[in-house]
Amino acid sequence: MVQAEHAVESAAGAAKGGFNPGERIIEHLANKLGIRPGQTTSDGRFTLSTVECVASCGSAPVVLINDTYHERVSPEQLDALLETLA
């Protein structure tokens, strides 16, 4: 997989009890960036990846952008974060 300028990751594994708020975030990211997990945007700016666990279930949903944790992130907050990187 080609690594873009900005690595965007979210947990795909289910948290305790089978609940996974990261699924909604992953879908939002895929729609926003126009790519699926494992792909890189055509401009080379973003690579979207899923990981099984980010060891932060208590503050889910969590997105890692360039190895920085963004906890309890909403789709709106995520959009603002991505705008600062575009």
PDB file of N, CA and C in Angstrom:
ATOM      1  N   MET A   1       0.851  -1.196   0.000  1.00  0.00           N
ATOM      2  CA  MET A   1       0.000   0.000   0.000  1.00  0.00           C
ATOM      3  C   MET A   1       0.886   1.244   0.000  1.00  0.00           C
ATOM      4  N   VAL A   2       0.566   2.180  -0.855  1.00  0.00           N
ATOM      5  CA  VAL A   2       1.280   3.451  -0.913  1.00  0.00           C
ATOM      6  C   VAL A   2       0.918   4.262   0.320  1.00  0.00           C
ATOM      7  N   GLN A   3       1.926   4.825   0.974  1.00  0.00           N
ATOM      8  CA  GLN A   3       1.669   5.652   2.146  1.00  0.00           C
ATOM      9  C   GLN A   3       1.625   7.113   1.722  1.00  0.00           C
ATOM     10  N   ALA A   4       0.557   7.787   2.041  1.00  0.00           N
ATOM     11  CA  ALA A   4       0.371   9.186   1.679  1.00  0.00           C
ATOM     12  C   ALA A   4       1.046  10.096   2.695  1.00  0.00           C
ATOM     13  N   GLU A   5       0.911  11.365   2.466  1.00  0.00           N
ATOM     14  CA  GLU A   5       1.454  12.371   3.367  1.00  0.00           C
ATOM     15  C   GLU A   5       0.844  12.251   4.762  1.00  0.00           C
ATOM     16  N   HIS A   6      -0.449  11.932   4.824  1.00  0.00           N
ATOM     17  CA  HIS A   6      -1.145  11.830   6.108  1.00  0.00           C
ATOM     18  C   HIS A   6      -1.782  10.453   6.246  1.00  0.00           C
ATOM     19  N   ALA A   7      -1.405   9.751   7.300  1.00  0.00           N
ATOM     20  CA  ALA A   7      -1.982   8.443   7.600  1.00  0.00           C
ATOM     21  C   ALA A   7      -3.169   8.632   8.530  1.00  0.00           C
ATOM     22  N   VAL A   8      -4.314   8.111   8.130  1.00  0.00           N
ATOM     23  CA  VAL A   8      -5.543   8.215   8.914  1.00  0.00           C
ATOM     24  C   VAL A   8      -5.980   6.798   9.245  1.00  0.00           C
ATOM     25  N   GLU A   9      -6.073   6.482  10.549  1.00  0.00           N
ATOM     26  CA  GLU A   9      -6.421   5.136  10.988  1.00  0.00           C
ATOM     27  C   GLU A   9      -7.550   5.183  12.007  1.00  0.00           C
ATOM     28  N   SER A  10      -8.371   4.155  11.997  1.00  0.00           N
ATOM     29  CA  SER A  10      -9.418   4.001  13.000  1.00  0.00           C
ATOM     30  C   SER A  10      -9.592   2.523  13.289  1.00  0.00           C
ATOM     31  N   ALA A  11     -10.064   2.225  14.496  1.00  0.00           N
ATOM     32  CA  ALA A  11     -10.243   0.837  14.910  1.00  0.00           C
ATOM     33  C   ALA A  11     -11.438   0.210  14.226  1.00  0.00           C
ATOM     34  N   ALA A  12     -11.221  -0.990  13.692  1.00  0.00           N
ATOM     35  CA  ALA A  12     -12.293  -1.722  13.023  1.00  0.00           C
ATOM     36  C   ALA A  12     -12.822  -2.851  13.884  1.00  0.00           C
ATOM     37  N   GLY A  13     -12.085  -3.238  14.905  1.00  0.00           N
ATOM     38  CA  GLY A  13     -12.512  -4.328  15.785  1.00  0.00           C
ATOM     39  C   GLY A  13     -13.633  -3.892  16.704  1.00  0.00           C
ATOM     40  N   ALA A  14     -14.462  -4.832  17.094  1.00  0.00           N
ATOM     41  CA  ALA A  14     -15.577  -4.528  17.994  1.00  0.00           C
ATOM     42  C   ALA A  14     -15.076  -4.385  19.421  1.00  0.00           C
ATOM     43  N   ALA A  15     -15.582  -3.404  20.110  1.00  0.00           N
ATOM     44  CA  ALA A  15     -15.257  -3.218  21.523  1.00  0.00           C
ATOM     45  C   ALA A  15     -16.020  -4.245  22.343  1.00  0.00           C
ATOM     46  N   LYS A  16     -15.762  -4.250  23.626  1.00  0.00           N
ATOM     47  CA  LYS A  16     -16.454  -5.168  24.520  1.00  0.00           C
ATOM     48  C   LYS A  16     -17.953  -5.042  24.334  1.00  0.00           C
ATOM     49  N   GLY A  17     -18.619  -6.145  24.223  1.00  0.00           N
ATOM     50  CA  GLY A  17     -20.060  -6.138  24.034  1.00  0.00           C
ATOM     51  C   GLY A  17     -20.456  -6.032  22.568  1.00  0.00           C
ATOM     52  N   GLY A  18     -19.487  -6.011  21.659  1.00  0.00           N
ATOM     53  CA  GLY A  18     -19.790  -5.990  20.242  1.00  0.00           C
ATOM     54  C   GLY A  18     -20.069  -4.619  19.662  1.00  0.00           C
ATOM     55  N   PHE A  19     -20.031  -3.573  20.463  1.00  0.00           N
ATOM     56  CA  PHE A  19     -20.313  -2.216  19.980  1.00  0.00           C
ATOM     57  C   PHE A  19     -19.044  -1.621  19.384  1.00  0.00           C
ATOM     58  N   ASN A  20     -19.132  -1.035  18.206  1.00  0.00           N
ATOM     59  CA  ASN A  20     -17.972  -0.422  17.583  1.00  0.00           C
ATOM     60  C   ASN A  20     -18.337   0.924  16.970  1.00  0.00           C
ATOM     61  N   PRO A  21     -18.146   2.016  17.734  1.00  0.00           N
ATOM     62  CA  PRO A  21     -18.435   3.336  17.172  1.00  0.00           C
ATOM     63  C   PRO A  21     -17.480   3.716  16.048  1.00  0.00           C
ATOM     64  N   GLY A  22     -16.339   3.024  15.950  1.00  0.00           N
ATOM     65  CA  GLY A  22     -15.378   3.306  14.887  1.00  0.00           C
ATOM     66  C   GLY A  22     -15.905   2.987  13.504  1.00  0.00           C
ATOM     67  N   GLU A  23     -16.841   2.055  13.398  1.00  0.00           N
ATOM     68  CA  GLU A  23     -17.409   1.711  12.090  1.00  0.00           C
ATOM     69  C   GLU A  23     -18.054   2.919  11.428  1.00  0.00           C
ATOM     70  N   ARG A  24     -18.755   3.698  12.208  1.00  0.00           N
ATOM     71  CA  ARG A  24     -19.401   4.911  11.686  1.00  0.00           C
ATOM     72  C   ARG A  24     -18.356   5.921  11.235  1.00  0.00           C
ATOM     73  N   ILE A  25     -17.271   6.028  11.994  1.00  0.00           N
ATOM     74  CA  ILE A  25     -16.199   6.955  11.655  1.00  0.00           C
ATOM     75  C   ILE A  25     -15.476   6.502  10.389  1.00  0.00           C
ATOM     76  N   ILE A  26     -15.204   5.209  10.279  1.00  0.00           N
ATOM     77  CA  ILE A  26     -14.540   4.678   9.087  1.00  0.00           C
ATOM     78  C   ILE A  26     -15.388   4.952   7.844  1.00  0.00           C
ATOM     79  N   GLU A  27     -16.680   4.720   7.952  1.00  0.00           N
ATOM     80  CA  GLU A  27     -17.577   4.979   6.815  1.00  0.00           C
ATOM     81  C   GLU A  27     -17.590   6.460   6.459  1.00  0.00           C
ATOM     82  N   HIS A  28     -17.601   7.316   7.478  1.00  0.00           N
ATOM     83  CA  HIS A  28     -17.575   8.765   7.237  1.00  0.00           C
ATOM     84  C   HIS A  28     -16.274   9.161   6.523  1.00  0.00           C
ATOM     85  N   LEU A  29     -15.145   8.639   7.018  1.00  0.00           N
ATOM     86  CA  LEU A  29     -13.859   8.944   6.397  1.00  0.00           C
ATOM     87  C   LEU A  29     -13.818   8.476   4.948  1.00  0.00           C
ATOM     88  N   ALA A  30     -14.306   7.277   4.698  1.00  0.00           N
ATOM     89  CA  ALA A  30     -14.318   6.731   3.335  1.00  0.00           C
ATOM     90  C   ALA A  30     -15.122   7.631   2.404  1.00  0.00           C
ATOM     91  N   ASN A  31     -16.280   8.077   2.860  1.00  0.00           N
ATOM     92  CA  ASN A  31     -17.116   8.960   2.044  1.00  0.00           C
ATOM     93  C   ASN A  31     -16.473  10.328   1.855  1.00  0.00           C
ATOM     94  N   LYS A  32     -15.924  10.870   2.906  1.00  0.00           N
ATOM     95  CA  LYS A  32     -15.310  12.204   2.864  1.00  0.00           C
ATOM     96  C   LYS A  32     -14.091  12.228   1.938  1.00  0.00           C
ATOM     97  N   LEU A  33     -13.244  11.186   2.041  1.00  0.00           N
ATOM     98  CA  LEU A  33     -12.016  11.147   1.262  1.00  0.00           C
ATOM     99  C   LEU A  33     -12.199  10.522  -0.119  1.00  0.00           C
ATOM    100  N   GLY A  34     -13.316   9.841  -0.317  1.00  0.00           N
ATOM    101  CA  GLY A  34     -13.582   9.200  -1.603  1.00  0.00           C
ATOM    102  C   GLY A  34     -12.745   7.951  -1.836  1.00  0.00           C
ATOM    103  N   ILE A  35     -12.332   7.312  -0.766  1.00  0.00           N
ATOM    104  CA  ILE A  35     -11.536   6.085  -0.849  1.00  0.00           C
ATOM    105  C   ILE A  35     -12.043   5.082   0.179  1.00  0.00           C
ATOM    106  N   ARG A  36     -11.630   3.849   0.029  1.00  0.00           N
ATOM    107  CA  ARG A  36     -11.965   2.788   0.974  1.00  0.00           C
ATOM    108  C   ARG A  36     -10.726   2.506   1.826  1.00  0.00           C
ATOM    109  N   PRO A  37     -10.889   1.862   2.982  1.00  0.00           N
ATOM    110  CA  PRO A  37      -9.715   1.480   3.772  1.00  0.00           C
ATOM    111  C   PRO A  37      -8.730   0.683   2.924  1.00  0.00           C
ATOM    112  N   GLY A  38      -7.448   1.028   3.088  1.00  0.00           N
ATOM    113  CA  GLY A  38      -6.393   0.398   2.312  1.00  0.00           C
ATOM    114  C   GLY A  38      -6.026   1.174   1.056  1.00  0.00           C
ATOM    115  N   GLN A  39      -6.724   2.281   0.812  1.00  0.00           N
ATOM    116  CA  GLN A  39      -6.464   3.079  -0.388  1.00  0.00           C
ATOM    117  C   GLN A  39      -5.880   4.445  -0.021  1.00  0.00           C
ATOM    118  N   THR A  40      -5.289   5.078  -1.024  1.00  0.00           N
ATOM    119  CA  THR A  40      -4.718   6.410  -0.900  1.00  0.00           C
ATOM    120  C   THR A  40      -5.450   7.332  -1.861  1.00  0.00           C
ATOM    121  N   THR A  41      -5.698   8.566  -1.434  1.00  0.00           N
ATOM    122  CA  THR A  41      -6.352   9.536  -2.317  1.00  0.00           C
ATOM    123  C   THR A  41      -5.482   9.784  -3.542  1.00  0.00           C
ATOM    124  N   SER A  42      -6.113  10.138  -4.648  1.00  0.00           N
ATOM    125  CA  SER A  42      -5.392  10.320  -5.914  1.00  0.00           C
ATOM    126  C   SER A  42      -4.344  11.430  -5.837  1.00  0.00           C
ATOM    127  N   ASP A  43      -4.525  12.390  -4.934  1.00  0.00           N
ATOM    128  CA  ASP A  43      -3.538  13.466  -4.788  1.00  0.00           C
ATOM    129  C   ASP A  43      -2.393  13.089  -3.844  1.00  0.00           C
ATOM    130  N   GLY A  44      -2.458  11.879  -3.268  1.00  0.00           N
ATOM    131  CA  GLY A  44      -1.397  11.412  -2.389  1.00  0.00           C
ATOM    132  C   GLY A  44      -1.386  12.034  -1.007  1.00  0.00           C
ATOM    133  N   ARG A  45      -2.470  12.694  -0.640  1.00  0.00           N
ATOM    134  CA  ARG A  45      -2.522  13.390   0.660  1.00  0.00           C
ATOM    135  C   ARG A  45      -2.899  12.463   1.812  1.00  0.00           C
ATOM    136  N   PHE A  46      -3.840  11.534   1.587  1.00  0.00           N
ATOM    137  CA  PHE A  46      -4.355  10.712   2.677  1.00  0.00           C
ATOM    138  C   PHE A  46      -4.370   9.229   2.325  1.00  0.00           C
ATOM    139  N   THR A  47      -3.975   8.411   3.288  1.00  0.00           N
ATOM    140  CA  THR A  47      -4.154   6.967   3.214  1.00  0.00           C
ATOM    141  C   THR A  47      -5.078   6.601   4.358  1.00  0.00           C
ATOM    142  N   LEU A  48      -6.139   5.866   4.061  1.00  0.00           N
ATOM    143  CA  LEU A  48      -7.100   5.429   5.074  1.00  0.00           C
ATOM    144  C   LEU A  48      -6.830   3.972   5.417  1.00  0.00           C
ATOM    145  N   SER A  49      -6.679   3.705   6.703  1.00  0.00           N
ATOM    146  CA  SER A  49      -6.412   2.345   7.166  1.00  0.00           C
ATOM    147  C   SER A  49      -7.292   2.029   8.368  1.00  0.00           C
ATOM    148  N   THR A  50      -7.558   0.758   8.526  1.00  0.00           N
ATOM    149  CA  THR A  50      -8.217   0.300   9.740  1.00  0.00           C
ATOM    150  C   THR A  50      -7.228  -0.571  10.497  1.00  0.00           C
ATOM    151  N   VAL A  51      -7.352  -0.546  11.794  1.00  0.00           N
ATOM    152  CA  VAL A  51      -6.560  -1.387  12.674  1.00  0.00           C
ATOM    153  C   VAL A  51      -7.521  -2.114  13.593  1.00  0.00           C
ATOM    154  N   GLU A  52      -7.098  -3.244  14.114  1.00  0.00           N
ATOM    155  CA  GLU A  52      -7.982  -4.016  14.989  1.00  0.00           C
ATOM    156  C   GLU A  52      -8.250  -3.298  16.304  1.00  0.00           C
ATOM    157  N   CYS A  53      -7.209  -2.662  16.855  1.00  0.00           N
ATOM    158  CA  CYS A  53      -7.350  -2.042  18.175  1.00  0.00           C
ATOM    159  C   CYS A  53      -6.368  -0.886  18.301  1.00  0.00           C
ATOM    160  N   VAL A  54      -6.825   0.200  18.912  1.00  0.00           N
ATOM    161  CA  VAL A  54      -5.936   1.321  19.221  1.00  0.00           C
ATOM    162  C   VAL A  54      -5.766   1.484  20.728  1.00  0.00           C
ATOM    163  N   ALA A  55      -6.275   0.499  21.486  1.00  0.00           N
ATOM    164  CA  ALA A  55      -6.133   0.467  22.950  1.00  0.00           C
ATOM    165  C   ALA A  55      -6.699   1.717  23.613  1.00  0.00           C
ATOM    166  N   SER A  56      -7.866   2.132  23.151  1.00  0.00           N
ATOM    167  CA  SER A  56      -8.480   3.333  23.693  1.00  0.00           C
ATOM    168  C   SER A  56     -10.001   3.238  23.665  1.00  0.00           C
ATOM    169  N   CYS A  57     -10.530   2.060  24.021  1.00  0.00           N
ATOM    170  CA  CYS A  57     -11.986   1.846  23.972  1.00  0.00           C
ATOM    171  C   CYS A  57     -12.760   2.831  24.837  1.00  0.00           C
ATOM    172  N   GLY A  58     -12.161   3.253  25.932  1.00  0.00           N
ATOM    173  CA  GLY A  58     -12.850   4.163  26.848  1.00  0.00           C
ATOM    174  C   GLY A  58     -13.068   5.547  26.279  1.00  0.00           C
ATOM    175  N   SER A  59     -12.368   5.869  25.212  1.00  0.00           N
ATOM    176  CA  SER A  59     -12.522   7.195  24.616  1.00  0.00           C
ATOM    177  C   SER A  59     -12.917   7.104  23.136  1.00  0.00           C
ATOM    178  N   ALA A  60     -13.579   6.020  22.789  1.00  0.00           N
ATOM    179  CA  ALA A  60     -14.018   5.792  21.404  1.00  0.00           C
ATOM    180  C   ALA A  60     -15.133   6.766  21.028  1.00  0.00           C
ATOM    181  N   PRO A  61     -15.252   7.086  19.751  1.00  0.00           N
ATOM    182  CA  PRO A  61     -14.403   6.640  18.658  1.00  0.00           C
ATOM    183  C   PRO A  61     -13.083   7.406  18.629  1.00  0.00           C
ATOM    184  N   VAL A  62     -12.036   6.697  18.228  1.00  0.00           N
ATOM    185  CA  VAL A  62     -10.689   7.248  18.170  1.00  0.00           C
ATOM    186  C   VAL A  62     -10.171   7.152  16.740  1.00  0.00           C
ATOM    187  N   VAL A  63      -9.538   8.215  16.306  1.00  0.00           N
ATOM    188  CA  VAL A  63      -8.886   8.242  15.005  1.00  0.00           C
ATOM    189  C   VAL A  63      -7.438   8.657  15.245  1.00  0.00           C
ATOM    190  N   LEU A  64      -6.529   7.948  14.615  1.00  0.00           N
ATOM    191  CA  LEU A  64      -5.128   8.332  14.644  1.00  0.00           C
ATOM    192  C   LEU A  64      -4.809   9.009  13.320  1.00  0.00           C
ATOM    193  N   ILE A  65      -4.283  10.204  13.409  1.00  0.00           N
ATOM    194  CA  ILE A  65      -3.839  10.921  12.217  1.00  0.00           C
ATOM    195  C   ILE A  65      -2.367  11.218  12.427  1.00  0.00           C
ATOM    196  N   ASN A  66      -1.550  10.606  11.576  1.00  0.00           N
ATOM    197  CA  ASN A  66      -0.094  10.742  11.706  1.00  0.00           C
ATOM    198  C   ASN A  66       0.372  10.377  13.114  1.00  0.00           C
ATOM    199  N   ASP A  67      -0.165   9.292  13.646  1.00  0.00           N
ATOM    200  CA  ASP A  67       0.184   8.752  14.968  1.00  0.00           C
ATOM    201  C   ASP A  67      -0.247   9.613  16.146  1.00  0.00           C
ATOM    202  N   THR A  68      -1.104  10.589  15.922  1.00  0.00           N
ATOM    203  CA  THR A  68      -1.659  11.400  17.004  1.00  0.00           C
ATOM    204  C   THR A  68      -3.094  10.955  17.257  1.00  0.00           C
ATOM    205  N   TYR A  69      -3.413  10.630  18.517  1.00  0.00           N
ATOM    206  CA  TYR A  69      -4.756  10.196  18.890  1.00  0.00           C
ATOM    207  C   TYR A  69      -5.716  11.375  18.931  1.00  0.00           C
ATOM    208  N   HIS A  70      -6.876  11.175  18.339  1.00  0.00           N
ATOM    209  CA  HIS A  70      -7.983  12.130  18.431  1.00  0.00           C
ATOM    210  C   HIS A  70      -9.138  11.321  18.995  1.00  0.00           C
ATOM    211  N   GLU A  71      -9.475  11.587  20.260  1.00  0.00           N
ATOM    212  CA  GLU A  71     -10.438  10.763  20.989  1.00  0.00           C
ATOM    213  C   GLU A  71     -11.816  11.410  21.037  1.00  0.00           C
ATOM    214  N   ARG A  72     -12.829  10.520  21.154  1.00  0.00           N
ATOM    215  CA  ARG A  72     -14.239  10.946  21.204  1.00  0.00           C
ATOM    216  C   ARG A  72     -14.562  11.899  20.052  1.00  0.00           C
ATOM    217  N   VAL A  73     -14.052  11.541  18.890  1.00  0.00           N
ATOM    218  CA  VAL A  73     -14.186  12.416  17.730  1.00  0.00           C
ATOM    219  C   VAL A  73     -15.535  12.198  17.043  1.00  0.00           C
ATOM    220  N   SER A  74     -16.153  13.293  16.685  1.00  0.00           N
ATOM    221  CA  SER A  74     -17.412  13.246  15.933  1.00  0.00           C
ATOM    222  C   SER A  74     -17.084  13.429  14.449  1.00  0.00           C
ATOM    223  N   PRO A  75     -18.003  13.086  13.578  1.00  0.00           N
ATOM    224  CA  PRO A  75     -17.767  13.336  12.153  1.00  0.00           C
ATOM    225  C   PRO A  75     -17.454  14.811  11.861  1.00  0.00           C
ATOM    226  N   GLU A  76     -18.114  15.714  12.549  1.00  0.00           N
ATOM    227  CA  GLU A  76     -17.885  17.140  12.331  1.00  0.00           C
ATOM    228  C   GLU A  76     -16.481  17.551  12.773  1.00  0.00           C
ATOM    229  N   GLN A  77     -16.040  17.027  13.922  1.00  0.00           N
ATOM    230  CA  GLN A  77     -14.687  17.320  14.392  1.00  0.00           C
ATOM    231  C   GLN A  77     -13.649  16.743  13.430  1.00  0.00           C
ATOM    232  N   LEU A  78     -13.945  15.572  12.921  1.00  0.00           N
ATOM    233  CA  LEU A  78     -13.049  14.919  11.984  1.00  0.00           C
ATOM    234  C   LEU A  78     -12.921  15.735  10.694  1.00  0.00           C
ATOM    235  N   ASP A  79     -14.019  16.259  10.201  1.00  0.00           N
ATOM    236  CA  ASP A  79     -13.982  17.104   9.013  1.00  0.00           C
ATOM    237  C   ASP A  79     -13.077  18.314   9.250  1.00  0.00           C
ATOM    238  N   ALA A  80     -13.190  18.931  10.425  1.00  0.00           N
ATOM    239  CA  ALA A  80     -12.363  20.093  10.749  1.00  0.00           C
ATOM    240  C   ALA A  80     -10.886  19.703  10.813  1.00  0.00           C
ATOM    241  N   LEU A  81     -10.580  18.566  11.396  1.00  0.00           N
ATOM    242  CA  LEU A  81      -9.203  18.074  11.447  1.00  0.00           C
ATOM    243  C   LEU A  81      -8.635  17.867  10.051  1.00  0.00           C
ATOM    244  N   LEU A  82      -9.415  17.222   9.187  1.00  0.00           N
ATOM    245  CA  LEU A  82      -8.957  16.969   7.823  1.00  0.00           C
ATOM    246  C   LEU A  82      -8.727  18.264   7.057  1.00  0.00           C
ATOM    247  N   GLU A  83      -9.550  19.261   7.301  1.00  0.00           N
ATOM    248  CA  GLU A  83      -9.401  20.558   6.630  1.00  0.00           C
ATOM    249  C   GLU A  83      -8.074  21.211   6.988  1.00  0.00           C
ATOM    250  N   THR A  84      -7.618  21.027   8.228  1.00  0.00           N
ATOM    251  CA  THR A  84      -6.339  21.637   8.625  1.00  0.00           C
ATOM    252  C   THR A  84      -5.156  20.973   7.925  1.00  0.00           C
ATOM    253  N   LEU A  85      -5.360  19.762   7.412  1.00  0.00           N
ATOM    254  CA  LEU A  85      -4.290  19.017   6.750  1.00  0.00           C
ATOM    255  C   LEU A  85      -4.331  19.124   5.233  1.00  0.00           C
ATOM    256  N   ALA A  86      -5.440  19.596   4.707  1.00  0.00           N
ATOM    257  CA  ALA A  86      -5.618  19.636   3.234  1.00  0.00           C
ATOM    258  C   ALA A  86      -4.850  20.762   2.601  1.00  0.00           C
TER     259      ALA A  86
END
